[in-house]
């Protein structure tokens, strides 16, 4: 989509791929596999950030998180198996991984990762081996954060670091020591209960993003990116 790869996988197939990668034995200096949950906003940000675009293109798995991605695929005559929302993918991996899965939660406001850790431990039996908030300098603090993740020996790194989270993960893939890392946006907030998901019908109709934007004024600044994505797709895929 707009020069970025999207893998035609279902939720089940994506979760299976992640768990298969995690179950592989550790070999020497581990370079983590990057999973991208692609949405229109990320695609637009990458158009003005070459480093981010490179990170997205080199991801080992890129799933269609946003309804705009599945719509754009149909405009190109491609039918993706289904939309794979990041929060659903993470939930499926945690549920199926259970106590065999060791996870590091990185991101969100102070206290959110801790709250999310309690929830996933109680609900799925996940072994949360470390947490850290996302309020750190992603350039100056990268080495220290990566060292903490590596020391935890986490199999899976879930990072909700906002804009540019995929770039941070890509540039530190060989330093974090995890087997798989996923940029999860606001998923930690959802797991912690700090943000509630929209009603199920909004997701089924593909308007969950619209309701979330309309109900949260802080998200209104994202609308121009969504409009630009729509315009670019329409311009490139005439009906």
Protein backbone atom coordinates (compact mmCIF):
# COMPACT_ATOMS: atom_id res chain seq x y z
CA UNK A 1 0.00 0.00 0.00
CA UNK A 2 1.58 3.28 -1.19
CA UNK A 3 4.88 1.47 -1.59
CA UNK A 4 4.69 -0.45 1.70
CA UNK A 5 4.30 -4.23 1.99
CA UNK A 6 1.23 -5.91 3.48
CA UNK A 7 1.09 -9.65 4.07
CA UNK A 8 -2.14 -11.37 3.08
CA UNK A 9 -2.61 -13.29 6.32
CA UNK A 10 -5.52 -13.90 8.66
CA UNK A 11 -5.45 -13.22 12.39
CA UNK A 12 -4.89 -16.91 13.06
CA UNK A 13 -2.05 -17.15 10.53
CA UNK A 14 -0.31 -14.04 11.92
CA UNK A 15 -0.53 -15.31 15.51
CA UNK A 16 0.75 -18.73 14.43
CA UNK A 17 3.73 -17.16 12.62
CA UNK A 18 4.64 -15.12 15.70
CA UNK A 19 4.40 -18.07 18.09
CA UNK A 20 6.40 -20.29 15.72
CA UNK A 21 9.17 -17.67 15.65
CA UNK A 22 9.13 -17.43 19.44
CA UNK A 23 9.40 -21.19 19.84
CA UNK A 24 12.62 -21.27 17.84
CA UNK A 25 15.71 -21.85 20.05
CA UNK A 26 17.83 -18.80 20.79
CA UNK A 27 20.91 -18.73 18.57
CA UNK A 28 23.82 -16.46 19.47
CA UNK A 29 23.13 -12.75 19.17
CA UNK A 30 19.38 -12.72 18.56
CA UNK A 31 18.02 -10.21 16.06
CA UNK A 32 14.34 -9.67 16.80
CA UNK A 33 11.74 -10.13 14.07
CA UNK A 34 9.68 -7.00 13.53
CA UNK A 35 5.90 -7.22 13.18
CA UNK A 36 4.15 -4.11 11.86
CA UNK A 37 0.43 -3.45 12.31
CA UNK A 38 -0.02 -1.18 9.33
CA UNK A 39 -2.68 1.52 9.21
CA UNK A 40 -3.22 4.59 6.98
CA UNK A 41 -1.61 6.97 9.47
CA UNK A 42 1.65 5.02 9.55
CA UNK A 43 1.63 4.81 5.76
CA UNK A 44 1.33 8.60 5.46
CA UNK A 45 4.03 9.25 8.08
CA UNK A 46 6.40 7.01 6.10
CA UNK A 47 6.00 9.17 2.99
CA UNK A 48 7.90 12.00 4.68
CA UNK A 49 10.30 9.84 6.71
CA UNK A 50 12.68 7.68 4.68
CA UNK A 51 14.07 5.94 7.78
CA UNK A 52 10.59 4.91 8.89
CA UNK A 53 9.73 3.75 5.37
CA UNK A 54 12.85 1.58 5.34
CA UNK A 55 11.92 0.08 8.70
CA UNK A 56 8.43 -0.76 7.47
CA UNK A 57 9.71 -2.33 4.25
CA UNK A 58 12.16 -4.54 6.15
CA UNK A 59 9.62 -5.89 8.65
CA UNK A 60 9.33 -9.67 8.65
CA UNK A 61 5.54 -9.48 8.97
CA UNK A 62 3.19 -6.60 8.17
CA UNK A 63 -0.53 -7.03 8.82
CA UNK A 64 -3.49 -4.88 7.79
CA UNK A 65 -4.45 -3.21 11.05
CA UNK A 66 -6.52 -0.34 9.68
CA UNK A 67 -9.77 -0.72 7.73
CA UNK A 68 -8.26 1.77 5.27
CA UNK A 69 -5.60 -0.79 4.34
CA UNK A 70 -8.13 -3.50 3.49
CA UNK A 71 -10.16 -0.93 1.52
CA UNK A 72 -7.07 0.18 -0.41
CA UNK A 73 -6.26 -3.46 -1.21
CA UNK A 74 -9.73 -3.97 -2.68
CA UNK A 75 -9.23 -0.85 -4.81
CA UNK A 76 -6.18 -2.61 -6.26
CA UNK A 77 -8.19 -5.75 -6.91
CA UNK A 78 -6.70 -7.65 -3.96
CA UNK A 79 -8.84 -9.22 -1.27
CA UNK A 80 -6.96 -9.64 2.00
CA UNK A 81 -8.15 -12.57 4.17
CA UNK A 82 -9.28 -10.17 6.89
CA UNK A 83 -8.31 -7.10 8.85
CA UNK A 84 -5.86 -7.91 11.68
CA UNK A 85 -6.22 -5.24 14.41
CA UNK A 86 -3.10 -4.95 16.55
CA UNK A 87 -4.98 -5.36 19.83
CA UNK A 88 -6.68 -8.54 18.56
CA UNK A 89 -3.37 -9.94 17.34
CA UNK A 90 -1.66 -9.27 20.66
CA UNK A 91 -4.58 -10.77 22.60
CA UNK A 92 -4.54 -13.90 20.43
CA UNK A 93 -0.78 -14.36 20.87
CA UNK A 94 -1.00 -13.90 24.65
CA UNK A 95 -3.96 -16.26 24.94
CA UNK A 96 -2.35 -19.00 22.89
CA UNK A 97 1.12 -18.49 24.35
CA UNK A 98 -0.05 -18.68 27.96
CA UNK A 99 2.56 -19.35 30.62
CA UNK A 100 5.08 -20.50 28.00
CA UNK A 101 5.37 -16.91 26.79
CA UNK A 102 7.72 -14.33 28.35
CA UNK A 103 6.88 -10.73 27.47
CA UNK A 104 8.32 -7.26 28.03
CA UNK A 105 5.81 -4.40 27.99
CA UNK A 106 7.27 -1.08 26.85
CA UNK A 107 5.35 2.13 26.38
CA UNK A 108 2.37 4.27 27.38
CA UNK A 109 2.23 6.59 30.40
CA UNK A 110 3.92 5.65 33.69
CA UNK A 111 1.88 3.00 35.47
CA UNK A 112 0.00 1.76 32.39
CA UNK A 113 2.44 -1.04 31.52
CA UNK A 114 2.34 -2.24 35.13
CA UNK A 115 -1.46 -2.33 35.06
CA UNK A 116 -1.43 -4.16 31.74
CA UNK A 117 1.06 -6.66 33.17
CA UNK A 118 -1.28 -7.53 36.02
CA UNK A 119 -4.17 -8.04 33.62
CA UNK A 120 -2.36 -10.28 31.14
CA UNK A 121 -0.77 -12.32 33.94
CA UNK A 122 -4.13 -12.97 35.58
CA UNK A 123 -6.08 -13.46 32.35
CA UNK A 124 -3.64 -15.42 30.20
CA UNK A 125 -0.95 -16.65 32.58
CA UNK A 126 1.65 -14.70 30.60
CA UNK A 127 5.05 -14.28 32.24
CA UNK A 128 5.70 -10.54 32.14
CA UNK A 129 9.44 -10.27 32.73
CA UNK A 130 9.74 -6.48 32.56
CA UNK A 131 7.89 -3.21 32.08
CA UNK A 132 8.85 0.37 31.30
CA UNK A 133 6.87 3.44 30.33
CA UNK A 134 7.28 5.12 26.96
CA UNK A 135 8.35 8.55 28.22
CA UNK A 136 12.04 8.42 27.41
CA UNK A 137 14.28 9.97 24.76
CA UNK A 138 14.18 7.43 21.92
CA UNK A 139 17.65 8.46 20.76
CA UNK A 140 19.57 9.02 23.99
CA UNK A 141 17.70 6.38 25.97
CA UNK A 142 17.66 3.62 23.35
CA UNK A 143 20.77 1.82 24.61
CA UNK A 144 19.62 1.72 28.24
CA UNK A 145 16.11 0.54 27.33
CA UNK A 146 17.45 -2.11 24.94
CA UNK A 147 19.81 -3.37 27.64
CA UNK A 148 16.91 -3.75 30.10
CA UNK A 149 14.86 -5.71 27.58
CA UNK A 150 17.84 -7.91 26.74
CA UNK A 151 18.55 -8.58 30.43
CA UNK A 152 14.95 -9.72 30.92
CA UNK A 153 15.39 -12.42 28.25
CA UNK A 154 11.88 -11.72 27.00
CA UNK A 155 10.73 -13.73 24.00
CA UNK A 156 8.29 -11.03 22.90
CA UNK A 157 8.60 -7.25 23.10
CA UNK A 158 5.34 -5.28 22.90
CA UNK A 159 6.14 -1.63 22.31
CA UNK A 160 3.52 1.11 22.38
CA UNK A 161 5.65 4.16 21.67
CA UNK A 162 3.42 6.21 19.40
CA UNK A 163 4.71 7.78 16.20
CA UNK A 164 7.92 6.21 14.99
CA UNK A 165 7.69 3.14 17.22
CA UNK A 166 8.52 0.89 14.25
CA UNK A 167 11.66 2.90 13.54
CA UNK A 168 12.80 2.54 17.16
CA UNK A 169 12.24 -1.22 17.03
CA UNK A 170 13.94 -1.63 13.66
CA UNK A 171 17.03 0.30 14.74
CA UNK A 172 17.33 -1.68 18.00
CA UNK A 173 16.37 -5.11 16.68
CA UNK A 174 19.80 -6.60 17.38
CA UNK A 175 20.09 -4.97 20.81
CA UNK A 176 16.83 -5.93 22.56
CA UNK A 177 17.51 -9.67 22.53
CA UNK A 178 13.85 -10.63 21.99
CA UNK A 179 12.74 -13.07 19.33
CA UNK A 180 9.78 -11.03 18.10
CA UNK A 181 8.82 -7.39 18.62
CA UNK A 182 5.53 -5.72 17.75
CA UNK A 183 4.67 -2.03 17.55
CA UNK A 184 1.33 -2.05 19.34
CA UNK A 185 0.25 1.60 19.53
CA UNK A 186 -2.41 2.02 22.22
CA UNK A 187 -2.80 -1.71 22.95
CA UNK A 188 -1.18 -1.43 26.37
CA UNK A 189 -3.76 1.19 27.34
CA UNK A 190 -6.54 -1.16 26.21
CA UNK A 191 -5.09 -4.12 28.11
CA UNK A 192 -4.72 -1.97 31.23
CA UNK A 193 -8.30 -0.73 30.95
CA UNK A 194 -7.15 2.88 30.56
CA UNK A 195 -8.88 3.03 27.15
CA UNK A 196 -12.01 1.08 26.34
CA UNK A 197 -12.58 -0.48 22.96
CA UNK A 198 -15.46 0.71 20.87
CA UNK A 199 -18.59 -1.49 20.65
CA UNK A 200 -18.14 -4.61 18.54
CA UNK A 201 -20.51 -3.41 15.82
CA UNK A 202 -18.22 -0.47 15.03
CA UNK A 203 -15.40 -2.89 14.26
CA UNK A 204 -17.62 -5.15 12.15
CA UNK A 205 -18.74 -2.16 10.08
CA UNK A 206 -15.20 -0.82 9.80
CA UNK A 207 -15.94 2.50 11.56
CA UNK A 208 -14.23 1.88 14.91
CA UNK A 209 -11.44 4.32 14.01
CA UNK A 210 -13.96 7.04 13.13
CA UNK A 211 -15.82 6.75 16.42
CA UNK A 212 -12.56 6.76 18.38
CA UNK A 213 -11.37 9.90 16.60
CA UNK A 214 -14.67 11.72 17.01
CA UNK A 215 -14.88 10.91 20.74
CA UNK A 216 -11.31 12.00 21.52
CA UNK A 217 -10.36 15.58 20.50
CA UNK A 218 -6.67 14.70 20.93
CA UNK A 219 -7.00 12.45 17.88
CA UNK A 220 -8.51 15.11 15.62
CA UNK A 221 -5.04 16.09 14.36
CA UNK A 222 -4.87 12.65 12.74
CA UNK A 223 -7.79 13.28 10.41
CA UNK A 224 -5.75 15.14 7.73
CA UNK A 225 -3.50 12.07 7.42
CA UNK A 226 -6.54 9.84 6.92
CA UNK A 227 -7.95 12.16 4.27
CA UNK A 228 -4.58 12.28 2.51
CA UNK A 229 -4.33 8.49 2.50
CA UNK A 230 -7.82 8.24 1.00
CA UNK A 231 -6.99 10.80 -1.67
CA UNK A 232 -3.72 9.10 -2.63
CA UNK A 233 -5.36 5.68 -2.91
CA UNK A 234 -8.22 7.06 -5.03
CA UNK A 235 -5.76 8.87 -7.29
CA UNK A 236 -3.66 5.75 -7.82
CA UNK A 237 -6.53 3.29 -8.25
CA UNK A 238 -9.16 4.85 -10.53
CA UNK A 239 -12.48 3.00 -10.53
